[in-house]
């Protein structure tokens, strides 16, 4: 059972780009934000969704309809 986390619009954008296989550097470039900010979004999503990896996070995104 996955918790229903409330992701921000920006987190969802980052999640969708992660799902496409983009690196933090690529995501930062696409969204015109710093790599550190991208990593912060990823960490926040991991914490909110109780995911242990980016793969698990992407799986959560698919299950919840974000992707």
PDB file of N, CA and C in Angstrom:
ATOM      1  N   UNK A   1       0.847  -1.194   0.000  1.00  0.00           N
ATOM      2  CA  UNK A   1       0.000   0.000   0.000  1.00  0.00           C
ATOM      3  C   UNK A   1       0.881   1.243   0.000  1.00  0.00           C
ATOM      4  N   UNK A   2       0.737   2.042  -1.020  1.00  0.00           N
ATOM      5  CA  UNK A   2       1.549   3.253  -1.128  1.00  0.00           C
ATOM      6  C   UNK A   2       0.797   4.438  -0.536  1.00  0.00           C
ATOM      7  N   UNK A   3       1.497   5.281   0.192  1.00  0.00           N
ATOM      8  CA  UNK A   3       0.843   6.474   0.736  1.00  0.00           C
ATOM      9  C   UNK A   3       0.497   7.439  -0.390  1.00  0.00           C
ATOM     10  N   UNK A   4      -0.574   8.163  -0.236  1.00  0.00           N
ATOM     11  CA  UNK A   4      -0.940   9.158  -1.245  1.00  0.00           C
ATOM     12  C   UNK A   4      -0.271  10.481  -0.891  1.00  0.00           C
ATOM     13  N   UNK A   5       0.899  10.690  -1.448  1.00  0.00           N
ATOM     14  CA  UNK A   5       1.677  11.886  -1.155  1.00  0.00           C
ATOM     15  C   UNK A   5       1.190  13.051  -2.000  1.00  0.00           C
ATOM     16  N   UNK A   6       1.238  14.227  -1.439  1.00  0.00           N
ATOM     17  CA  UNK A   6       0.867  15.424  -2.182  1.00  0.00           C
ATOM     18  C   UNK A   6       2.132  16.022  -2.782  1.00  0.00           C
ATOM     19  N   UNK A   7       2.304  15.815  -4.083  1.00  0.00           N
ATOM     20  CA  UNK A   7       3.482  16.344  -4.770  1.00  0.00           C
ATOM     21  C   UNK A   7       3.151  17.701  -5.368  1.00  0.00           C
ATOM     22  N   UNK A   8       4.149  18.587  -5.356  1.00  0.00           N
ATOM     23  CA  UNK A   8       3.952  19.901  -5.971  1.00  0.00           C
ATOM     24  C   UNK A   8       4.018  19.764  -7.491  1.00  0.00           C
ATOM     25  N   UNK A   9       3.561  20.792  -8.174  1.00  0.00           N
ATOM     26  CA  UNK A   9       3.593  20.786  -9.637  1.00  0.00           C
ATOM     27  C   UNK A   9       5.032  20.615 -10.140  1.00  0.00           C
ATOM     28  N   UNK A  10       5.973  21.285  -9.492  1.00  0.00           N
ATOM     29  CA  UNK A  10       7.379  21.201  -9.895  1.00  0.00           C
ATOM     30  C   UNK A  10       7.925  19.794  -9.654  1.00  0.00           C
ATOM     31  N   UNK A  11       7.557  19.190  -8.535  1.00  0.00           N
ATOM     32  CA  UNK A  11       7.999  17.822  -8.247  1.00  0.00           C
ATOM     33  C   UNK A  11       7.474  16.858  -9.311  1.00  0.00           C
ATOM     34  N   UNK A  12       6.241  17.072  -9.733  1.00  0.00           N
ATOM     35  CA  UNK A  12       5.658  16.224 -10.779  1.00  0.00           C
ATOM     36  C   UNK A  12       6.429  16.397 -12.089  1.00  0.00           C
ATOM     37  N   UNK A  13       6.812  17.629 -12.416  1.00  0.00           N
ATOM     38  CA  UNK A  13       7.622  17.876 -13.619  1.00  0.00           C
ATOM     39  C   UNK A  13       8.944  17.112 -13.535  1.00  0.00           C
ATOM     40  N   UNK A  14       9.602  17.207 -12.377  1.00  0.00           N
ATOM     41  CA  UNK A  14      10.876  16.508 -12.168  1.00  0.00           C
ATOM     42  C   UNK A  14      10.655  15.004 -12.277  1.00  0.00           C
ATOM     43  N   UNK A  15       9.594  14.506 -11.671  1.00  0.00           N
ATOM     44  CA  UNK A  15       9.285  13.075 -11.699  1.00  0.00           C
ATOM     45  C   UNK A  15       9.087  12.577 -13.131  1.00  0.00           C
ATOM     46  N   UNK A  16       8.368  13.338 -13.932  1.00  0.00           N
ATOM     47  CA  UNK A  16       8.124  12.942 -15.329  1.00  0.00           C
ATOM     48  C   UNK A  16       9.425  12.900 -16.134  1.00  0.00           C
ATOM     49  N   UNK A  17      10.300  13.856 -15.862  1.00  0.00           N
ATOM     50  CA  UNK A  17      11.593  13.878 -16.556  1.00  0.00           C
ATOM     51  C   UNK A  17      12.481  12.726 -16.079  1.00  0.00           C
ATOM     52  N   UNK A  18      12.410  12.401 -14.792  1.00  0.00           N
ATOM     53  CA  UNK A  18      13.152  11.248 -14.257  1.00  0.00           C
ATOM     54  C   UNK A  18      12.669   9.967 -14.947  1.00  0.00           C
ATOM     55  N   UNK A  19      11.354   9.881 -15.110  1.00  0.00           N
ATOM     56  CA  UNK A  19      10.758   8.681 -15.722  1.00  0.00           C
ATOM     57  C   UNK A  19      11.230   8.491 -17.156  1.00  0.00           C
ATOM     58  N   UNK A  20      11.585   9.581 -17.818  1.00  0.00           N
ATOM     59  CA  UNK A  20      12.086   9.511 -19.198  1.00  0.00           C
ATOM     60  C   UNK A  20      13.569   9.184 -19.237  1.00  0.00           C
ATOM     61  N   UNK A  21      14.172   9.038 -18.055  1.00  0.00           N
ATOM     62  CA  UNK A  21      15.578   8.652 -17.998  1.00  0.00           C
ATOM     63  C   UNK A  21      16.565   9.808 -17.960  1.00  0.00           C
ATOM     64  N   UNK A  22      16.061  11.004 -17.693  1.00  0.00           N
ATOM     65  CA  UNK A  22      16.945  12.168 -17.622  1.00  0.00           C
ATOM     66  C   UNK A  22      17.752  12.180 -16.326  1.00  0.00           C
ATOM     67  N   UNK A  23      18.974  12.691 -16.398  1.00  0.00           N
ATOM     68  CA  UNK A  23      19.815  12.854 -15.209  1.00  0.00           C
ATOM     69  C   UNK A  23      19.424  14.154 -14.514  1.00  0.00           C
ATOM     70  N   UNK A  24      19.912  14.337 -13.295  1.00  0.00           N
ATOM     71  CA  UNK A  24      19.652  15.586 -12.567  1.00  0.00           C
ATOM     72  C   UNK A  24      20.154  16.781 -13.371  1.00  0.00           C
ATOM     73  N   UNK A  25      21.319  16.611 -13.993  1.00  0.00           N
ATOM     74  CA  UNK A  25      21.902  17.691 -14.801  1.00  0.00           C
ATOM     75  C   UNK A  25      20.987  18.045 -15.979  1.00  0.00           C
ATOM     76  N   UNK A  26      20.468  17.035 -16.653  1.00  0.00           N
ATOM     77  CA  UNK A  26      19.572  17.271 -17.787  1.00  0.00           C
ATOM     78  C   UNK A  26      18.267  17.929 -17.333  1.00  0.00           C
ATOM     79  N   UNK A  27      17.723  17.452 -16.224  1.00  0.00           N
ATOM     80  CA  UNK A  27      16.480  18.011 -15.688  1.00  0.00           C
ATOM     81  C   UNK A  27      16.690  19.473 -15.306  1.00  0.00           C
ATOM     82  N   UNK A  28      17.796  19.758 -14.647  1.00  0.00           N
ATOM     83  CA  UNK A  28      18.117  21.129 -14.246  1.00  0.00           C
ATOM     84  C   UNK A  28      18.159  22.041 -15.471  1.00  0.00           C
ATOM     85  N   UNK A  29      18.752  21.548 -16.545  1.00  0.00           N
ATOM     86  CA  UNK A  29      18.864  22.327 -17.773  1.00  0.00           C
ATOM     87  C   UNK A  29      17.485  22.577 -18.395  1.00  0.00           C
ATOM     88  N   UNK A  30      16.670  21.526 -18.477  1.00  0.00           N
ATOM     89  CA  UNK A  30      15.331  21.635 -19.079  1.00  0.00           C
ATOM     90  C   UNK A  30      14.448  22.609 -18.294  1.00  0.00           C
ATOM     91  N   UNK A  31      14.484  22.506 -16.958  1.00  0.00           N
ATOM     92  CA  UNK A  31      13.610  23.331 -16.116  1.00  0.00           C
ATOM     93  C   UNK A  31      14.241  24.660 -15.717  1.00  0.00           C
ATOM     94  N   UNK A  32      15.485  24.872 -16.146  1.00  0.00           N
ATOM     95  CA  UNK A  32      16.216  26.103 -15.837  1.00  0.00           C
ATOM     96  C   UNK A  32      16.315  26.336 -14.327  1.00  0.00           C
ATOM     97  N   UNK A  33      16.714  25.260 -13.626  1.00  0.00           N
ATOM     98  CA  UNK A  33      16.961  25.325 -12.180  1.00  0.00           C
ATOM     99  C   UNK A  33      18.333  24.700 -11.928  1.00  0.00           C
ATOM    100  N   UNK A  34      18.843  24.845 -10.715  1.00  0.00           N
ATOM    101  CA  UNK A  34      20.160  24.272 -10.417  1.00  0.00           C
ATOM    102  C   UNK A  34      20.062  22.765 -10.196  1.00  0.00           C
ATOM    103  N   UNK A  35      21.187  22.091 -10.361  1.00  0.00           N
ATOM    104  CA  UNK A  35      21.242  20.648 -10.122  1.00  0.00           C
ATOM    105  C   UNK A  35      20.877  20.363  -8.665  1.00  0.00           C
ATOM    106  N   UNK A  36      21.354  21.210  -7.771  1.00  0.00           N
ATOM    107  CA  UNK A  36      21.067  21.052  -6.343  1.00  0.00           C
ATOM    108  C   UNK A  36      19.551  21.114  -6.092  1.00  0.00           C
ATOM    109  N   UNK A  37      18.877  22.040  -6.736  1.00  0.00           N
ATOM    110  CA  UNK A  37      17.422  22.165  -6.595  1.00  0.00           C
ATOM    111  C   UNK A  37      16.735  20.901  -7.123  1.00  0.00           C
ATOM    112  N   UNK A  38      17.212  20.403  -8.250  1.00  0.00           N
ATOM    113  CA  UNK A  38      16.672  19.161  -8.822  1.00  0.00           C
ATOM    114  C   UNK A  38      16.827  18.024  -7.822  1.00  0.00           C
ATOM    115  N   UNK A  39      18.015  17.897  -7.243  1.00  0.00           N
ATOM    116  CA  UNK A  39      18.263  16.839  -6.258  1.00  0.00           C
ATOM    117  C   UNK A  39      17.395  17.014  -5.014  1.00  0.00           C
ATOM    118  N   UNK A  40      17.166  18.266  -4.623  1.00  0.00           N
ATOM    119  CA  UNK A  40      16.286  18.531  -3.477  1.00  0.00           C
ATOM    120  C   UNK A  40      14.862  18.061  -3.765  1.00  0.00           C
ATOM    121  N   UNK A  41      14.366  18.340  -4.977  1.00  0.00           N
ATOM    122  CA  UNK A  41      13.027  17.881  -5.367  1.00  0.00           C
ATOM    123  C   UNK A  41      12.964  16.352  -5.312  1.00  0.00           C
ATOM    124  N   UNK A  42      13.996  15.704  -5.822  1.00  0.00           N
ATOM    125  CA  UNK A  42      14.037  14.241  -5.831  1.00  0.00           C
ATOM    126  C   UNK A  42      14.017  13.694  -4.389  1.00  0.00           C
ATOM    127  N   UNK A  43      14.845  14.275  -3.529  1.00  0.00           N
ATOM    128  CA  UNK A  43      14.898  13.842  -2.122  1.00  0.00           C
ATOM    129  C   UNK A  43      13.557  14.062  -1.422  1.00  0.00           C
ATOM    130  N   UNK A  44      12.940  15.204  -1.675  1.00  0.00           N
ATOM    131  CA  UNK A  44      11.633  15.495  -1.079  1.00  0.00           C
ATOM    132  C   UNK A  44      10.594  14.472  -1.517  1.00  0.00           C
ATOM    133  N   UNK A  45      10.616  14.117  -2.803  1.00  0.00           N
ATOM    134  CA  UNK A  45       9.655  13.129  -3.313  1.00  0.00           C
ATOM    135  C   UNK A  45       9.924  11.749  -2.715  1.00  0.00           C
ATOM    136  N   UNK A  46      11.197  11.378  -2.600  1.00  0.00           N
ATOM    137  CA  UNK A  46      11.546  10.084  -1.993  1.00  0.00           C
ATOM    138  C   UNK A  46      10.991  10.019  -0.571  1.00  0.00           C
ATOM    139  N   UNK A  47      11.168  11.116   0.160  1.00  0.00           N
ATOM    140  CA  UNK A  47      10.690  11.164   1.547  1.00  0.00           C
ATOM    141  C   UNK A  47       9.157  11.122   1.599  1.00  0.00           C
ATOM    142  N   UNK A  48       8.507  11.949   0.783  1.00  0.00           N
ATOM    143  CA  UNK A  48       7.040  12.023   0.789  1.00  0.00           C
ATOM    144  C   UNK A  48       6.388  10.699   0.409  1.00  0.00           C
ATOM    145  N   UNK A  49       7.005   9.980  -0.526  1.00  0.00           N
ATOM    146  CA  UNK A  49       6.405   8.741  -1.022  1.00  0.00           C
ATOM    147  C   UNK A  49       6.952   7.500  -0.328  1.00  0.00           C
ATOM    148  N   UNK A  50       7.895   7.717   0.579  1.00  0.00           N
ATOM    149  CA  UNK A  50       8.505   6.594   1.302  1.00  0.00           C
ATOM    150  C   UNK A  50       9.204   5.638   0.338  1.00  0.00           C
ATOM    151  N   UNK A  51       9.759   6.180  -0.748  1.00  0.00           N
ATOM    152  CA  UNK A  51      10.461   5.373  -1.746  1.00  0.00           C
ATOM    153  C   UNK A  51      11.939   5.272  -1.371  1.00  0.00           C
ATOM    154  N   UNK A  52      12.540   4.156  -1.750  1.00  0.00           N
ATOM    155  CA  UNK A  52      13.948   3.937  -1.421  1.00  0.00           C
ATOM    156  C   UNK A  52      14.890   4.175  -2.600  1.00  0.00           C
ATOM    157  N   UNK A  53      14.314   4.330  -3.781  1.00  0.00           N
ATOM    158  CA  UNK A  53      15.135   4.544  -4.970  1.00  0.00           C
ATOM    159  C   UNK A  53      14.352   5.355  -5.995  1.00  0.00           C
ATOM    160  N   UNK A  54      15.058   5.855  -6.992  1.00  0.00           N
ATOM    161  CA  UNK A  54      14.397   6.608  -8.060  1.00  0.00           C
ATOM    162  C   UNK A  54      13.443   5.698  -8.830  1.00  0.00           C
ATOM    163  N   UNK A  55      13.845   4.445  -9.021  1.00  0.00           N
ATOM    164  CA  UNK A  55      12.982   3.482  -9.713  1.00  0.00           C
ATOM    165  C   UNK A  55      11.663   3.291  -8.986  1.00  0.00           C
ATOM    166  N   UNK A  56      11.750   3.176  -7.671  1.00  0.00           N
ATOM    167  CA  UNK A  56      10.544   3.019  -6.849  1.00  0.00           C
ATOM    168  C   UNK A  56       9.683   4.280  -6.933  1.00  0.00           C
ATOM    169  N   UNK A  57      10.345   5.423  -6.976  1.00  0.00           N
ATOM    170  CA  UNK A  57       9.652   6.706  -7.097  1.00  0.00           C
ATOM    171  C   UNK A  57       8.904   6.791  -8.427  1.00  0.00           C
ATOM    172  N   UNK A  58       9.547   6.377  -9.504  1.00  0.00           N
ATOM    173  CA  UNK A  58       8.920   6.384 -10.834  1.00  0.00           C
ATOM    174  C   UNK A  58       7.729   5.423 -10.851  1.00  0.00           C
ATOM    175  N   UNK A  59       7.900   4.266 -10.239  1.00  0.00           N
ATOM    176  CA  UNK A  59       6.815   3.286 -10.139  1.00  0.00           C
ATOM    177  C   UNK A  59       5.620   3.899  -9.401  1.00  0.00           C
ATOM    178  N   UNK A  60       5.904   4.605  -8.327  1.00  0.00           N
ATOM    179  CA  UNK A  60       4.857   5.300  -7.570  1.00  0.00           C
ATOM    180  C   UNK A  60       4.135   6.302  -8.489  1.00  0.00           C
ATOM    181  N   UNK A  61       4.928   7.065  -9.249  1.00  0.00           N
ATOM    182  CA  UNK A  61       4.351   8.060 -10.154  1.00  0.00           C
ATOM    183  C   UNK A  61       3.413   7.460 -11.177  1.00  0.00           C
ATOM    184  N   UNK A  62       3.768   6.292 -11.700  1.00  0.00           N
ATOM    185  CA  UNK A  62       2.927   5.587 -12.669  1.00  0.00           C
ATOM    186  C   UNK A  62       1.640   5.113 -11.979  1.00  0.00           C
ATOM    187  N   UNK A  63       1.798   4.479 -10.824  1.00  0.00           N
ATOM    188  CA  UNK A  63       0.662   3.947 -10.069  1.00  0.00           C
ATOM    189  C   UNK A  63      -0.341   5.042  -9.716  1.00  0.00           C
ATOM    190  N   UNK A  64       0.177   6.205  -9.335  1.00  0.00           N
ATOM    191  CA  UNK A  64      -0.688   7.305  -8.900  1.00  0.00           C
ATOM    192  C   UNK A  64      -1.184   8.175 -10.057  1.00  0.00           C
ATOM    193  N   UNK A  65      -0.732   7.875 -11.270  1.00  0.00           N
ATOM    194  CA  UNK A  65      -1.221   8.599 -12.446  1.00  0.00           C
ATOM    195  C   UNK A  65      -0.502   9.902 -12.732  1.00  0.00           C
ATOM    196  N   UNK A  66       0.646  10.131 -12.090  1.00  0.00           N
ATOM    197  CA  UNK A  66       1.420  11.345 -12.369  1.00  0.00           C
ATOM    198  C   UNK A  66       2.157  11.244 -13.693  1.00  0.00           C
ATOM    199  N   UNK A  67       2.437   9.999 -14.106  1.00  0.00           N
ATOM    200  CA  UNK A  67       3.220   9.774 -15.326  1.00  0.00           C
ATOM    201  C   UNK A  67       2.334   9.068 -16.351  1.00  0.00           C
TER     202      UNK A  67
END
